[in-house]
N, C-alpha and C. Protein backbone atom coordinates (compact mmCIF):
# COMPACT_ATOMS: atom_id res chain seq x y z
N UNK A 1 0.89 -1.11 0.17
CA UNK A 1 -0.08 0.12 -0.04
C UNK A 1 0.87 1.18 0.14
N UNK A 2 0.11 2.11 -1.03
CA UNK A 2 1.12 3.46 -0.80
C UNK A 2 0.71 4.63 0.25
N UNK A 3 1.87 5.24 0.67
CA UNK A 3 1.62 5.81 1.35
C UNK A 3 1.41 7.41 1.24
N UNK A 4 0.41 8.28 1.46
CA UNK A 4 0.60 9.27 0.81
C UNK A 4 1.34 10.73 1.18
N UNK A 5 2.45 11.17 1.31
CA UNK A 5 3.53 12.13 1.29
C UNK A 5 2.18 13.25 1.83
N UNK A 6 2.38 14.29 2.86
CA UNK A 6 1.60 15.17 3.23
C UNK A 6 2.69 16.35 2.29
N UNK A 7 1.41 17.25 1.93
CA UNK A 7 2.51 18.68 1.48
C UNK A 7 3.83 19.16 2.87
N UNK A 8 4.74 19.56 1.86
CA UNK A 8 5.74 20.58 2.98
C UNK A 8 4.93 21.74 3.35
N UNK A 9 5.34 22.04 4.48
CA UNK A 9 4.14 23.23 5.31
C UNK A 9 4.31 24.45 4.12
N UNK A 10 5.82 24.73 3.81
CA UNK A 10 6.38 25.51 2.27
C UNK A 10 5.17 25.51 1.23
N UNK A 11 5.24 24.87 0.92
CA UNK A 11 4.60 24.43 -0.53
C UNK A 11 2.87 24.99 -0.02
N UNK A 12 2.26 24.68 0.98
CA UNK A 12 1.12 25.68 1.40
C UNK A 12 1.03 27.04 1.74
N UNK A 13 1.95 27.15 2.52
CA UNK A 13 2.19 28.71 2.30
C UNK A 13 2.02 29.44 1.16
N UNK A 14 3.30 28.73 0.31
CA UNK A 14 3.37 29.29 -1.14
C UNK A 14 1.56 29.42 -1.61
N UNK A 15 1.13 28.72 -2.11
CA UNK A 15 -0.46 28.64 -2.48
C UNK A 15 -1.29 29.14 -1.69
N UNK A 16 -1.50 28.88 -0.32
CA UNK A 16 -2.29 29.31 0.30
C UNK A 16 -2.55 30.79 1.30
N UNK A 17 -1.25 31.46 0.86
CA UNK A 17 -1.11 32.73 1.31
C UNK A 17 -0.11 33.39 -0.01
N UNK A 18 0.64 32.94 0.18
CA UNK A 18 1.79 34.18 -1.07
C UNK A 18 1.27 34.24 -2.47
N UNK A 19 0.96 33.26 -2.70
CA UNK A 19 -0.36 33.61 -4.11
C UNK A 19 -1.11 34.17 -4.34
N UNK A 20 -2.16 33.88 -3.79
CA UNK A 20 -3.64 34.53 -3.99
C UNK A 20 -3.20 36.12 -3.56
N UNK A 21 -2.16 36.52 -2.84
CA UNK A 21 -2.08 38.00 -2.27
C UNK A 21 -0.87 38.68 -3.72
N UNK A 22 -0.48 37.76 -4.41
CA UNK A 22 0.34 38.34 -5.14
C UNK A 22 1.79 38.80 -5.06
N UNK A 23 2.01 38.27 -3.47
CA UNK A 23 3.46 38.60 -2.93
C UNK A 23 4.80 37.63 -3.71
N UNK A 24 5.73 38.73 -3.55
CA UNK A 24 6.88 37.71 -4.10
C UNK A 24 7.55 37.01 -3.46
N UNK A 25 8.88 36.67 -2.84
CA UNK A 25 9.88 35.97 -2.11
C UNK A 25 10.25 36.94 -1.38
N UNK A 26 10.57 37.59 -1.89
CA UNK A 26 11.69 39.39 -1.45
C UNK A 26 10.97 40.40 -0.38
N UNK A 27 9.30 40.30 -1.05
CA UNK A 27 8.20 40.92 -0.31
C UNK A 27 7.56 40.43 0.67
N UNK A 28 7.54 39.54 0.72
CA UNK A 28 7.05 37.99 1.67
C UNK A 28 8.34 38.61 3.32
N UNK A 29 9.39 38.37 2.22
CA UNK A 29 10.57 38.09 3.41
C UNK A 29 10.59 39.80 4.30
N UNK A 30 10.44 40.57 3.91
CA UNK A 30 10.47 41.58 4.15
C UNK A 30 9.57 42.18 5.40
N UNK A 31 8.44 41.72 4.59
CA UNK A 31 7.55 41.58 5.64
C UNK A 31 7.31 41.10 6.88
N UNK A 32 8.10 39.66 6.85
CA UNK A 32 8.37 39.03 7.99
C UNK A 32 9.18 39.18 8.87
N UNK A 33 10.34 39.91 8.39
CA UNK A 33 11.60 40.36 9.56
C UNK A 33 12.30 39.16 8.93
N UNK A 34 13.03 38.92 7.86
CA UNK A 34 13.29 37.45 7.60
C UNK A 34 14.28 37.80 6.16
N UNK A 35 15.38 37.21 5.89
CA UNK A 35 15.86 37.25 4.83
C UNK A 35 15.41 36.70 4.01
N UNK A 36 15.42 36.79 2.30
CA UNK A 36 14.67 35.76 1.33
C UNK A 36 15.49 34.48 1.14
N UNK A 37 16.73 34.64 1.56
CA UNK A 37 17.04 33.34 1.45
C UNK A 37 16.35 32.44 2.19
N UNK A 38 16.44 32.64 3.92
CA UNK A 38 15.12 31.85 4.64
C UNK A 38 13.84 31.47 4.24
N UNK A 39 13.27 32.68 3.91
CA UNK A 39 11.92 32.15 3.83
C UNK A 39 12.13 30.72 2.25
N UNK A 40 12.93 31.64 1.12
CA UNK A 40 13.32 30.47 -0.47
C UNK A 40 13.16 28.75 0.37
N UNK A 41 13.83 29.29 1.14
CA UNK A 41 14.15 27.57 1.68
C UNK A 41 13.06 26.71 2.24
N UNK A 42 12.76 27.73 2.96
CA UNK A 42 11.51 26.96 3.62
C UNK A 42 10.04 26.83 2.37
N UNK A 43 9.78 27.64 1.57
CA UNK A 43 8.87 27.60 0.40
C UNK A 43 9.74 26.69 -0.10
N UNK A 44 10.82 26.24 -0.87
CA UNK A 44 11.12 25.54 -1.65
C UNK A 44 11.52 23.47 -0.79
N UNK A 45 11.10 23.79 0.24
CA UNK A 45 10.80 22.64 0.99
C UNK A 45 12.52 21.93 1.89
N UNK A 46 13.63 23.04 1.40
CA UNK A 46 14.77 23.51 1.98
C UNK A 46 14.57 23.02 3.74
N UNK A 47 14.36 23.70 4.18
CA UNK A 47 14.00 24.22 5.80
C UNK A 47 12.53 23.97 6.19
N UNK A 48 12.59 23.56 7.64
CA UNK A 48 11.40 23.70 8.37
C UNK A 48 10.71 24.89 9.14
N UNK A 49 9.59 24.97 9.49
CA UNK A 49 9.20 26.35 9.95
C UNK A 49 9.42 26.05 11.57
N UNK A 50 10.19 27.16 12.18
CA UNK A 50 10.16 27.27 13.41
C UNK A 50 9.04 27.63 14.85
N UNK A 51 9.20 27.45 15.53
CA UNK A 51 8.40 27.90 16.24
C UNK A 51 7.95 29.77 15.78
N UNK A 52 9.14 30.26 16.08
CA UNK A 52 9.22 31.83 15.90
C UNK A 52 8.62 31.73 14.42
N UNK A 53 9.21 31.04 13.49
CA UNK A 53 8.65 31.62 12.31
C UNK A 53 7.13 31.69 12.07
N UNK A 54 6.41 30.22 12.89
CA UNK A 54 4.94 29.96 12.97
C UNK A 54 4.22 31.07 13.54
N UNK A 55 5.05 32.03 14.73
CA UNK A 55 4.29 32.60 15.10
C UNK A 55 4.36 34.04 14.31
N UNK A 56 5.59 34.17 13.63
CA UNK A 56 5.74 35.34 12.29
C UNK A 56 4.72 35.31 11.22
N UNK A 57 4.12 33.89 10.57
CA UNK A 57 2.86 33.38 9.67
C UNK A 57 2.12 33.89 10.34
N UNK A 58 1.78 33.16 11.50
CA UNK A 58 0.53 33.52 11.58
C UNK A 58 0.04 34.98 12.01
N UNK A 59 1.23 35.91 12.69
CA UNK A 59 0.16 37.28 12.90
C UNK A 59 0.69 37.98 11.67
N UNK A 60 1.25 37.46 10.33
CA UNK A 60 1.37 38.86 9.16
C UNK A 60 0.04 37.70 8.39
N UNK A 61 -0.39 36.68 8.58
CA UNK A 61 -1.25 35.94 7.19
C UNK A 61 -2.61 35.99 8.26
N UNK A 62 -2.63 36.50 9.46
CA UNK A 62 -3.86 36.33 10.50
C UNK A 62 -4.67 35.03 10.95
N UNK A 63 -3.40 34.36 10.83
CA UNK A 63 -3.95 32.51 11.15
C UNK A 63 -3.74 32.17 12.09
N UNK A 64 -3.31 30.89 12.94
CA UNK A 64 -2.86 30.48 13.93
C UNK A 64 -1.93 29.98 13.89
N UNK A 65 -0.80 29.82 14.60
CA UNK A 65 0.45 29.08 14.89
C UNK A 65 0.81 27.94 13.94
N UNK A 66 -0.44 27.36 14.62
CA UNK A 66 -0.53 25.55 14.12
C UNK A 66 -0.88 25.82 13.13
N UNK A 67 -1.69 26.39 12.18
CA UNK A 67 -1.41 26.08 10.75
C UNK A 67 -0.63 25.95 10.06
């Protein structure tokens, strides 16, 4: 039986938050107060979301850190 791999949180962030708002990586990184390199690594699945980043994302996009 094949297991379904859930999407990386960065993929969800890109599709549900950034694309609908038309945000570039550079714009979103500036708004979050992180480097473009840091946000790019998350969006491309090379880095996870730390608790601190979860709080920043929740505040920026009006969600909860858990989501």
